[in-house]
C-alpha atoms as a PDB file:
ATOM      1  CA  MET A   1      97.934 115.637 171.958  1.00  0.00           C
ATOM      2  CA  THR A   2      94.684 117.634 171.529  1.00  0.00           C
ATOM      3  CA  PRO A   3      93.908 121.085 172.643  1.00  0.00           C
ATOM      4  CA  GLU A   4      91.447 119.750 174.940  1.00  0.00           C
ATOM      5  CA  LEU A   5      93.922 117.179 176.394  1.00  0.00           C
ATOM      6  CA  ALA A   6      96.453 119.719 176.845  1.00  0.00           C
ATOM      7  CA  ARG A   7      93.945 122.471 178.537  1.00  0.00           C
ATOM      8  CA  LEU A   8      93.712 119.472 181.045  1.00  0.00           C
ATOM      9  CA  ALA A   9      97.025 118.724 181.452  1.00  0.00           C
ATOM     10  CA  ALA A  10      97.882 121.970 182.038  1.00  0.00           C
ATOM     11  CA  ALA A  11      95.158 122.619 184.806  1.00  0.00           C
ATOM     12  CA  LEU A  12      96.387 119.537 186.493  1.00  0.00           C
ATOM     13  CA  ARG A  13      99.871 120.488 186.637  1.00  0.00           C
ATOM     14  CA  GLU A  14      98.824 123.585 188.519  1.00  0.00           C
ATOM     15  CA  SER A  15      96.818 121.567 190.796  1.00  0.00           C
ATOM     16  CA  ARG A  16      99.438 119.116 191.297  1.00  0.00           C
ATOM     17  CA  ALA A  17     102.354 122.336 192.117  1.00  0.00           C
ATOM     18  CA  ARG A  18      99.768 123.548 194.883  1.00  0.00           C
ATOM     19  CA  THR A  19      99.825 120.273 197.037  1.00  0.00           C
ATOM     20  CA  GLY A  20     103.686 120.489 196.721  1.00  0.00           C
ATOM     21  CA  LEU A  21     104.084 116.450 196.458  1.00  0.00           C
ATOM     22  CA  SER A  22     106.286 114.735 194.065  1.00  0.00           C
ATOM     23  CA  LEU A  23     104.930 111.902 191.652  1.00  0.00           C
ATOM     24  CA  ALA A  24     105.916 109.172 194.236  1.00  0.00           C
ATOM     25  CA  ALA A  25     103.943 110.945 197.303  1.00  0.00           C
ATOM     26  CA  LEU A  26     101.036 111.906 194.970  1.00  0.00           C
ATOM     27  CA  ALA A  27     101.196 108.119 193.744  1.00  0.00           C
ATOM     28  CA  ALA A  28     101.335 107.064 197.717  1.00  0.00           C
ATOM     29  CA  LYS A  29      98.055 109.171 198.517  1.00  0.00           C
ATOM     30  CA  THR A  30      96.079 107.940 195.414  1.00  0.00           C
ATOM     31  CA  ALA A  31      94.976 105.027 193.868  1.00  0.00           C
ATOM     32  CA  PHE A  32      97.531 106.052 190.887  1.00  0.00           C
ATOM     33  CA  SER A  33     100.996 104.596 190.541  1.00  0.00           C
ATOM     34  CA  LYS A  34     103.617 107.594 189.809  1.00  0.00           C
ATOM     35  CA  SER A  35     103.988 106.506 185.763  1.00  0.00           C
ATOM     36  CA  SER A  36     100.645 106.896 185.417  1.00  0.00           C
ATOM     37  CA  TRP A  37     100.776 110.459 187.164  1.00  0.00           C
ATOM     38  CA  GLU A  38     103.483 111.114 184.830  1.00  0.00           C
ATOM     39  CA  ARG A  39     101.713 110.492 181.611  1.00  0.00           C
ATOM     40  CA  TYR A  40      98.339 112.621 183.003  1.00  0.00           C
ATOM     41  CA  LEU A  41     100.244 115.749 184.070  1.00  0.00           C
ATOM     42  CA  ASN A  42     102.109 115.315 180.811  1.00  0.00           C
ATOM     43  CA  GLY A  43      98.812 114.986 178.630  1.00  0.00           C
ATOM     44  CA  ARG A  44     100.117 111.927 176.997  1.00  0.00           C
ATOM     45  CA  THR A  45      97.149 109.923 178.050  1.00  0.00           C
ATOM     46  CA  LEU A  46      93.451 110.946 179.582  1.00  0.00           C
ATOM     47  CA  PRO A  47      93.425 110.260 183.373  1.00  0.00           C
ATOM     48  CA  PRO A  48      90.233 109.102 184.645  1.00  0.00           C
ATOM     49  CA  ARG A  49      87.940 110.840 186.346  1.00  0.00           C
ATOM     50  CA  THR A  50      88.298 110.018 189.677  1.00  0.00           C
ATOM     51  CA  ALA A  51      92.214 110.823 189.314  1.00  0.00           C
ATOM     52  CA  VAL A  52      90.961 114.440 188.460  1.00  0.00           C
ATOM     53  CA  GLN A  53      88.872 114.510 191.886  1.00  0.00           C
ATOM     54  CA  GLU A  54      91.474 113.270 193.912  1.00  0.00           C
ATOM     55  CA  LEU A  55      94.080 115.719 192.565  1.00  0.00           C
ATOM     56  CA  CYS A  56      91.935 118.385 193.246  1.00  0.00           C
ATOM     57  CA  ARG A  57      90.986 117.232 196.864  1.00  0.00           C
ATOM     58  CA  LEU A  58      94.659 116.863 197.491  1.00  0.00           C
ATOM     59  CA  ALA A  59      95.299 120.314 196.465  1.00  0.00           C
ATOM     60  CA  GLY A  60      92.362 121.798 198.070  1.00  0.00           C
ATOM     61  CA  GLU A  61      90.529 123.248 195.522  1.00  0.00           C
ATOM     62  CA  PRO A  62      87.067 122.581 194.011  1.00  0.00           C
ATOM     63  CA  ASP A  63      87.008 120.314 191.455  1.00  0.00           C
ATOM     64  CA  GLY A  64      84.712 121.954 188.905  1.00  0.00           C
ATOM     65  CA  ARG A  65      87.001 123.356 186.609  1.00  0.00           C
ATOM     66  CA  CYS A  66      89.220 120.698 185.972  1.00  0.00           C
ATOM     67  CA  LEU A  67      86.214 118.171 185.747  1.00  0.00           C
ATOM     68  CA  ALA A  68      84.477 120.563 182.728  1.00  0.00           C
ATOM     69  CA  LEU A  69      88.184 120.407 181.494  1.00  0.00           C
ATOM     70  CA  TRP A  70      88.251 116.768 181.779  1.00  0.00           C
ATOM     71  CA  GLU A  71      84.692 116.043 180.034  1.00  0.00           C
ATOM     72  CA  ILE A  72      85.699 118.236 176.850  1.00  0.00           C
ATOM     73  CA  ALA A  73      88.943 116.024 176.484  1.00  0.00           C
ATOM     74  CA  GLU A  74      87.043 113.008 177.321  1.00  0.00           C
ATOM     75  CA  SER A  75      84.751 113.551 174.713  1.00  0.00           C
ATOM     76  CA  GLN A  76      86.674 114.314 172.007  1.00  0.00           C
ATOM     77  CA  TRP A  77      89.211 111.539 173.182  1.00  0.00           C
ATOM     78  CA  SER A  78      86.328 108.816 173.031  1.00  0.00           C
ATOM     79  CA  GLY A  79      85.129 110.445 169.661  1.00  0.00           C
ATOM     80  CA  ARG A  80      88.085 109.249 167.711  1.00  0.00           C
ATOM     81  CA  ALA A  81      87.238 105.911 167.003  1.00  0.00           C
ATOM     82  CA  THR A  82      83.469 107.337 166.070  1.00  0.00           C
ATOM     83  CA  GLN A  83      85.790 109.720 163.353  1.00  0.00           C
ATOM     84  CA  ALA A  84      87.908 106.907 162.297  1.00  0.00           C
ATOM     85  CA  GLY A  85      85.183 104.581 161.325  1.00  0.00           C
ATOM     86  CA  ARG A  86      83.038 107.262 159.208  1.00  0.00           C
ATOM     87  CA  ALA A  87      86.807 107.436 157.356  1.00  0.00           C
ATOM     88  CA  SER A  88      87.280 103.967 156.592  1.00  0.00           C
ATOM     89  CA  PRO A  89      86.983 103.007 152.962  1.00  0.00           C
ATOM     90  CA  PRO A  90      83.389 100.950 152.616  1.00  0.00           C
ATOM     91  CA  VAL A  91      83.619  96.949 151.643  1.00  0.00           C
ATOM     92  CA  ALA A  92      83.489  96.406 148.023  1.00  0.00           C
ATOM     93  CA  GLY A  93      80.393  95.034 146.785  1.00  0.00           C
ATOM     94  CA  PRO A  94      77.239  94.446 148.281  1.00  0.00           C
ATOM     95  CA  VAL A  95      78.712  92.521 151.226  1.00  0.00           C
ATOM     96  CA  PRO A  96      77.381  94.296 154.736  1.00  0.00           C
ATOM     97  CA  PRO A  97      80.259  95.153 156.667  1.00  0.00           C
ATOM     98  CA  PRO A  98      81.420  92.714 159.443  1.00  0.00           C
ATOM     99  CA  ASP A  99      78.899  92.317 162.498  1.00  0.00           C
ATOM    100  CA  PRO A 100      81.061  94.325 165.703  1.00  0.00           C
ATOM    101  CA  VAL A 101      80.294  91.853 167.958  1.00  0.00           C
ATOM    102  CA  GLU A 102      81.412  89.037 165.372  1.00  0.00           C
ATOM    103  CA  ALA A 103      84.693  90.645 164.955  1.00  0.00           C
ATOM    104  CA  GLY A 104      85.654  91.332 168.294  1.00  0.00           C
ATOM    105  CA  LYS A 105      85.641  87.639 168.728  1.00  0.00           C
ATOM    106  CA  GLY A 106      87.575  86.658 166.114  1.00  0.00           C
ATOM    107  CA  GLY A 107      84.664  83.915 164.626  1.00  0.00           C
ATOM    108  CA  GLY A 108      81.680  84.033 164.312  1.00  0.00           C
ATOM    109  CA  HIS A 109      78.072  82.128 162.117  1.00  0.00           C
ATOM    110  CA  ARG A 110      79.749  80.464 158.945  1.00  0.00           C
ATOM    111  CA  GLY A 111      77.590  79.562 156.067  1.00  0.00           C
ATOM    112  CA  ALA A 112      76.183  81.490 153.112  1.00  0.00           C
ATOM    113  CA  ALA A 113      78.112  84.740 154.597  1.00  0.00           C
ATOM    114  CA  THR A 114      81.348  82.903 154.303  1.00  0.00           C
ATOM    115  CA  VAL A 115      80.636  82.692 150.616  1.00  0.00           C
ATOM    116  CA  ALA A 116      79.984  86.035 150.333  1.00  0.00           C
ATOM    117  CA  VAL A 117      82.856  87.098 151.882  1.00  0.00           C
ATOM    118  CA  LEU A 118      85.304  84.828 150.139  1.00  0.00           C
ATOM    119  CA  ALA A 119      83.649  87.272 147.134  1.00  0.00           C
ATOM    120  CA  SER A 120      85.672  90.230 148.115  1.00  0.00           C
ATOM    121  CA  VAL A 121      88.184  88.854 150.669  1.00  0.00           C
ATOM    122  CA  CYS A 122      90.835  91.533 150.574  1.00  0.00           C
ATOM    123  CA  ALA A 123      88.155  94.142 151.261  1.00  0.00           C
ATOM    124  CA  VAL A 124      86.722  92.152 153.831  1.00  0.00           C
ATOM    125  CA  ALA A 125      89.833  91.403 155.669  1.00  0.00           C
ATOM    126  CA  VAL A 126      90.982  95.385 155.580  1.00  0.00           C
ATOM    127  CA  GLY A 127      88.031  96.376 157.142  1.00  0.00           C
ATOM    128  CA  GLY A 128      87.430  93.466 159.582  1.00  0.00           C
ATOM    129  CA  VAL A 129      90.757  94.765 160.836  1.00  0.00           C
ATOM    130  CA  ALA A 130      90.020  97.904 161.038  1.00  0.00           C
ATOM    131  CA  VAL A 131      86.717  97.716 163.122  1.00  0.00           C
ATOM    132  CA  THR A 132      88.055  94.998 165.392  1.00  0.00           C
ATOM    133  CA  LEU A 133      90.924  97.768 166.221  1.00  0.00           C
ATOM    134  CA  LEU A 134      88.226 100.249 166.785  1.00  0.00           C
ATOM    135  CA  LEU A 135      86.106  97.968 169.095  1.00  0.00           C
ATOM    136  CA  LEU A 136      89.048  97.220 171.296  1.00  0.00           C
ATOM    137  CA  PRO A 137      88.437  97.832 175.250  1.00  0.00           C
ATOM    138  CA  ARG A 138      90.022 101.326 176.296  1.00  0.00           C
ATOM    139  CA  HIS A 139      91.110 100.255 179.799  1.00  0.00           C
ATOM    140  CA  SER A 140      94.780 100.638 179.039  1.00  0.00           C
ATOM    141  CA  HIS A 141      96.297 103.704 180.438  1.00  0.00           C
ATOM    142  CA  GLU A 142      98.972 103.596 177.781  1.00  0.00           C
ATOM    143  CA  PRO A 143      99.115 106.639 175.375  1.00  0.00           C
ATOM    144  CA  ARG A 144      97.241 106.504 172.164  1.00  0.00           C
ATOM    145  CA  PRO A 145      97.844 108.220 168.899  1.00  0.00           C
ATOM    146  CA  ALA A 146      97.776 111.732 168.742  1.00  0.00           C
ATOM    147  CA  ALA A 147      95.639 113.861 166.488  1.00  0.00           C
ATOM    148  CA  VAL A 148      96.489 115.842 163.843  1.00  0.00           C
ATOM    149  CA  SER A 149      96.729 118.892 165.688  1.00  0.00           C
ATOM    150  CA  THR A 150      99.283 119.313 168.110  1.00  0.00           C
ATOM    151  CA  SER A 151      98.965 122.887 169.107  1.00  0.00           C
ATOM    152  CA  SER A 152      96.837 124.317 171.757  1.00  0.00           C
ATOM    153  CA  PRO A 153      94.452 127.134 170.141  1.00  0.00           C
ATOM    154  CA  GLY A 154      95.863 130.512 171.121  1.00  0.00           C
ATOM    155  CA  PRO A 155      93.619 133.263 172.848  1.00  0.00           C
ATOM    156  CA  HIS A 156      90.713 134.975 171.719  1.00  0.00           C
ATOM    157  CA  CYS A 157      92.233 138.497 172.741  1.00  0.00           C
ATOM    158  CA  ARG A 158      95.175 140.601 173.325  1.00  0.00           C
ATOM    159  CA  ALA A 159      95.794 143.672 175.617  1.00  0.00           C
ATOM    160  CA  SER A 160      93.087 146.337 175.210  1.00  0.00           C
ATOM    161  CA  SER A 161      90.688 143.340 173.305  1.00  0.00           C
ATOM    162  CA  CYS A 162      90.792 141.714 176.489  1.00  0.00           C
ATOM    163  CA  GLU A 163      89.616 144.790 179.149  1.00  0.00           C
ATOM    164  CA  GLY A 164      86.487 143.617 180.991  1.00  0.00           C
ATOM    165  CA  LYS A 165      86.467 139.972 179.694  1.00  0.00           C
ATOM    166  CA  ASN A 166      86.088 136.424 181.177  1.00  0.00           C
ATOM    167  CA  PRO A 167      89.900 135.194 181.292  1.00  0.00           C
ATOM    168  CA  MET A 168      88.662 131.559 180.894  1.00  0.00           C
ATOM    169  CA  ALA A 169      86.054 132.047 177.942  1.00  0.00           C
ATOM    170  CA  MET A 170      88.878 133.925 176.204  1.00  0.00           C
ATOM    171  CA  PHE A 171      91.771 131.479 177.032  1.00  0.00           C
ATOM    172  CA  CYS A 172      94.058 133.547 178.777  1.00  0.00           C
ATOM    173  CA  ALA A 173      93.903 131.173 181.502  1.00  0.00           C
ATOM    174  CA  ALA A 174      95.550 128.263 179.926  1.00  0.00           C
ATOM    175  CA  THR A 175      98.834 128.706 181.148  1.00  0.00           C
ATOM    176  CA  PRO A 176      98.687 132.103 183.561  1.00  0.00           C
ATOM    177  CA  ASP A 177     101.494 133.068 186.251  1.00  0.00           C
ATOM    178  CA  THR A 178     100.122 132.912 189.844  1.00  0.00           C
ATOM    179  CA  LEU A 179     101.302 136.508 191.180  1.00  0.00           C
ATOM    180  CA  ALA A 180     100.124 136.280 194.685  1.00  0.00           C
ATOM    181  CA  THR A 181      98.221 133.539 196.968  1.00  0.00           C
ATOM    182  CA  ARG A 182      96.080 134.445 200.132  1.00  0.00           C
ATOM    183  CA  HIS A 183      94.254 132.297 202.529  1.00  0.00           C
ATOM    184  CA  THR A 184      91.838 134.521 204.095  1.00  0.00           C
ATOM    185  CA  ALA A 185      90.151 134.404 207.830  1.00  0.00           C
ATOM    186  CA  THR A 186      86.851 133.223 206.463  1.00  0.00           C
ATOM    187  CA  GLY A 187      88.440 130.111 204.966  1.00  0.00           C
ATOM    188  CA  ALA A 188      88.353 131.119 201.301  1.00  0.00           C
ATOM    189  CA  TRP A 189      91.497 131.405 198.817  1.00  0.00           C
ATOM    190  CA  LEU A 190      92.334 134.038 196.756  1.00  0.00           C
ATOM    191  CA  GLU A 191      94.495 134.178 193.804  1.00  0.00           C
ATOM    192  CA  VAL A 192      95.881 136.687 191.292  1.00  0.00           C
ATOM    193  CA  ARG A 193      96.528 135.712 187.959  1.00  0.00           C
ATOM    194  CA  HIS A 194      98.770 137.256 185.202  1.00  0.00           C
ATOM    195  CA  SER A 195      98.740 136.048 181.422  1.00  0.00           C
ATOM    196  CA  LYS A 196     101.818 137.441 179.544  1.00  0.00           C
ATOM    197  CA  VAL A 197     100.570 135.925 176.304  1.00  0.00           C
ATOM    198  CA  CYS A 198      97.036 138.212 176.561  1.00  0.00           C
ATOM    199  CA  GLY A 199      98.786 141.002 178.717  1.00  0.00           C
ATOM    200  CA  THR A 200      96.088 141.149 181.344  1.00  0.00           C
ATOM    201  CA  SER A 201      95.866 139.947 185.313  1.00  0.00           C
ATOM    202  CA  TRP A 202      92.701 138.795 187.163  1.00  0.00           C
ATOM    203  CA  ALA A 203      91.983 137.684 190.495  1.00  0.00           C
ATOM    204  CA  ARG A 204      89.893 134.471 191.527  1.00  0.00           C
ATOM    205  CA  MET A 205      88.443 132.907 194.836  1.00  0.00           C
ATOM    206  CA  TRP A 206      86.845 129.354 196.097  1.00  0.00           C
ATOM    207  CA  GLY A 207      85.945 128.271 199.531  1.00  0.00           C
ATOM    208  CA  THR A 208      83.841 130.808 199.480  1.00  0.00           C
ATOM    209  CA  ARG A 209      80.398 131.273 200.825  1.00  0.00           C
ATOM    210  CA  THR A 210      77.226 133.240 199.166  1.00  0.00           C
ATOM    211  CA  GLY A 211      77.653 137.314 199.276  1.00  0.00           C
ATOM    212  CA  ASP A 212      81.559 137.004 199.128  1.00  0.00           C
ATOM    213  CA  ARG A 213      82.975 139.530 196.565  1.00  0.00           C
ATOM    214  CA  LEU A 214      86.313 140.085 195.596  1.00  0.00           C
ATOM    215  CA  GLU A 215      88.080 143.115 193.602  1.00  0.00           C
ATOM    216  CA  LEU A 216      91.052 143.661 191.604  1.00  0.00           C
ATOM    217  CA  THR A 217      92.237 147.062 190.906  1.00  0.00           C
ATOM    218  CA  ALA A 218      94.941 148.008 188.458  1.00  0.00           C
ATOM    219  CA  GLY A 219      95.635 151.523 186.751  1.00  0.00           C
ATOM    220  CA  GLY A 220      92.329 152.868 188.598  1.00  0.00           C
ATOM    221  CA  ARG A 221      90.449 150.342 186.859  1.00  0.00           C
ATOM    222  CA  THR A 222      88.641 147.768 189.264  1.00  0.00           C
ATOM    223  CA  ARG A 223      87.176 144.595 188.227  1.00  0.00           C
ATOM    224  CA  GLY A 224      84.921 142.508 190.479  1.00  0.00           C
ATOM    225  CA  ALA A 225      83.276 139.247 191.169  1.00  0.00           C
ATOM    226  CA  GLU A 226      80.657 137.933 193.666  1.00  0.00           C
ATOM    227  CA  VAL A 227      79.485 134.969 194.808  1.00  0.00           C
ATOM    228  CA  HIS A 228      76.070 134.544 194.225  1.00  0.00           C
ATOM    229  CA  ASN A 229      74.817 131.202 194.808  1.00  0.00           C
ATOM    230  CA  THR A 230      75.874 127.854 195.838  1.00  0.00           C
ATOM    231  CA  VAL A 231      76.983 126.587 192.240  1.00  0.00           C
ATOM    232  CA  ASP A 232      79.466 129.629 192.393  1.00  0.00           C
ATOM    233  CA  ALA A 233      80.547 128.504 196.096  1.00  0.00           C
ATOM    234  CA  ASP A 234      81.449 125.201 194.903  1.00  0.00           C
ATOM    235  CA  SER A 235      83.658 126.618 191.824  1.00  0.00           C
ATOM    236  CA  PHE A 236      86.346 128.956 191.167  1.00  0.00           C
ATOM    237  CA  VAL A 237      84.985 132.629 190.625  1.00  0.00           C
ATOM    238  CA  TYR A 238      86.975 134.929 188.645  1.00  0.00           C
ATOM    239  CA  THR A 239      87.210 138.602 188.205  1.00  0.00           C
ATOM    240  CA  PRO A 240      86.830 140.082 184.533  1.00  0.00           C
ATOM    241  CA  MET A 241      90.402 140.718 182.933  1.00  0.00           C
ATOM    242  CA  THR A 242      92.378 144.146 182.862  1.00  0.00           C
ATOM    243  CA  VAL A 243      95.057 145.159 181.102  1.00  0.00           C
ATOM    244  CA  THR A 244      98.329 145.094 182.866  1.00  0.00           C
ATOM    245  CA  ARG A 245     102.028 145.812 181.836  1.00  0.00           C
ATOM    246  CA  PRO A 246     105.206 144.212 183.684  1.00  0.00           C
ATOM    247  CA  GLY A 247     105.785 146.775 187.108  1.00  0.00           C
ATOM    248  CA  THR A 248     102.073 147.199 187.311  1.00  0.00           C
ATOM    249  CA  VAL A 249     101.036 147.387 191.033  1.00  0.00           C
ATOM    250  CA  LEU A 250      97.732 145.112 191.754  1.00  0.00           C
ATOM    251  CA  ARG A 251      95.400 146.098 194.363  1.00  0.00           C
ATOM    252  CA  THR A 252      93.275 142.578 195.721  1.00  0.00           C
ATOM    253  CA  CYS A 253      90.526 142.874 198.128  1.00  0.00           C
ATOM    254  CA  PHE A 254      87.982 140.354 199.339  1.00  0.00           C
ATOM    255  CA  ARG A 255      84.767 140.956 201.403  1.00  0.00           C
ATOM    256  CA  PRO A 256      83.036 138.531 202.897  1.00  0.00           C
ATOM    257  CA  ALA A 257      79.860 138.213 203.050  1.00  0.00           C
ATOM    258  CA  ALA A 258      77.644 139.872 206.048  1.00  0.00           C
ATOM    259  CA  GLY A 259      77.731 137.285 209.131  1.00  0.00           C
ATOM    260  CA  ALA A 260      80.715 135.538 208.034  1.00  0.00           C
ATOM    261  CA  LYS A 261      83.081 133.839 210.187  1.00  0.00           C
ATOM    262  CA  GLY A 262      86.322 135.337 211.533  1.00  0.00           C
ATOM    263  CA  GLY A 263      84.659 138.848 211.909  1.00  0.00           C
ATOM    264  CA  GLY A 264      83.770 139.359 208.362  1.00  0.00           C
ATOM    265  CA  GLN A 265      86.440 142.041 207.907  1.00  0.00           C
ATOM    266  CA  GLU A 266      87.682 143.230 204.366  1.00  0.00           C
ATOM    267  CA  GLU A 267      91.041 141.814 203.805  1.00  0.00           C
ATOM    268  CA  CYS A 268      93.265 143.580 201.194  1.00  0.00           C
ATOM    269  CA  PHE A 269      96.681 142.834 199.548  1.00  0.00           C
ATOM    270  CA  SER A 270      99.148 144.103 196.752  1.00  0.00           C
ATOM    271  CA  SER A 271     101.012 142.230 193.973  1.00  0.00           C
ATOM    272  CA  VAL A 272     102.815 143.298 190.976  1.00  0.00           C
ATOM    273  CA  SER A 273     102.606 141.992 187.397  1.00  0.00           C
ATOM    274  CA  ARG A 274     105.841 140.745 185.793  1.00  0.00           C
END
C-alpha cells in the first residue's frame, strides 16, 4: 500500500464510521458491492472517484478533503505503469520497441518487421510481454502489486514544534482521535481532534457559511479559524494546532456569522484530551 493510498483509506474509514453503516448497508445504499468497499476501506485498491463522493454524501460531510486525497493517490496509482516502463530493459539492437496498439492486440503487420524481430527474438519477446502487461485496461477492482514503500510518512512536527501549525500540512491529521462532535443550531458541524503522535489538538468545522468562526482554547492558548468565502464553506476549515497532554481541558466555541439562522448565538462546549 502506498502512503498516498493509506491516507485516503484512513479518511474513508473515518467517514464510514460517521455514517454508522455496516459494509452490507453501505453496499445497499451505493453502487458498489460489500467486497469492493472492504477493499477500498482497507487500502487494497483505489476506489472510483464516485465511491468517495457517495461515502461523503452518506456521512453528511463535504467531499473536498477526501477528493483531494483521492487525486494524490490516483496520480501515484496511475503513474506506476510509466515508471515501470522506464525501468524496463531496452530491446537489443536497433529494432524499435513493439507498437503499443499492436502489442495489445497480440498481432500486427508482418513482413520486413518480422525478419527484424526474429533477429533478436528473446529480447523482443521479453519486451513485448512487458509492454502488453503494462497496457492492459485498468478496469478491474482487484488489488494491484504493492509499492516498495509500505509505511505512511510520519508527522512533520511533534509537541511544541507543532504549535500554531496546520494539522493537515504537518500530517498530524492522518489518524487522529475525535474527542467531541457537535451539530450547531445553524446547521454547522464541529469536531475536536487530537493526535497522540504529534501531541496536539485542534478543531474543525464544515457545513458552514461565510463569516462563521471557530476557536479552540487550551492551557491559556486560543487558536481560531474563520470561513472566509464559499470555497471554505464547501470544505473543512481547521484551527491551527495547540500542544495538549492527556487530561488537558479543551474549550471550543463556535461563533456564527451575523444574521445566521438559529439566532446566531455563540455555542461553546468542553472536552478533554486523552
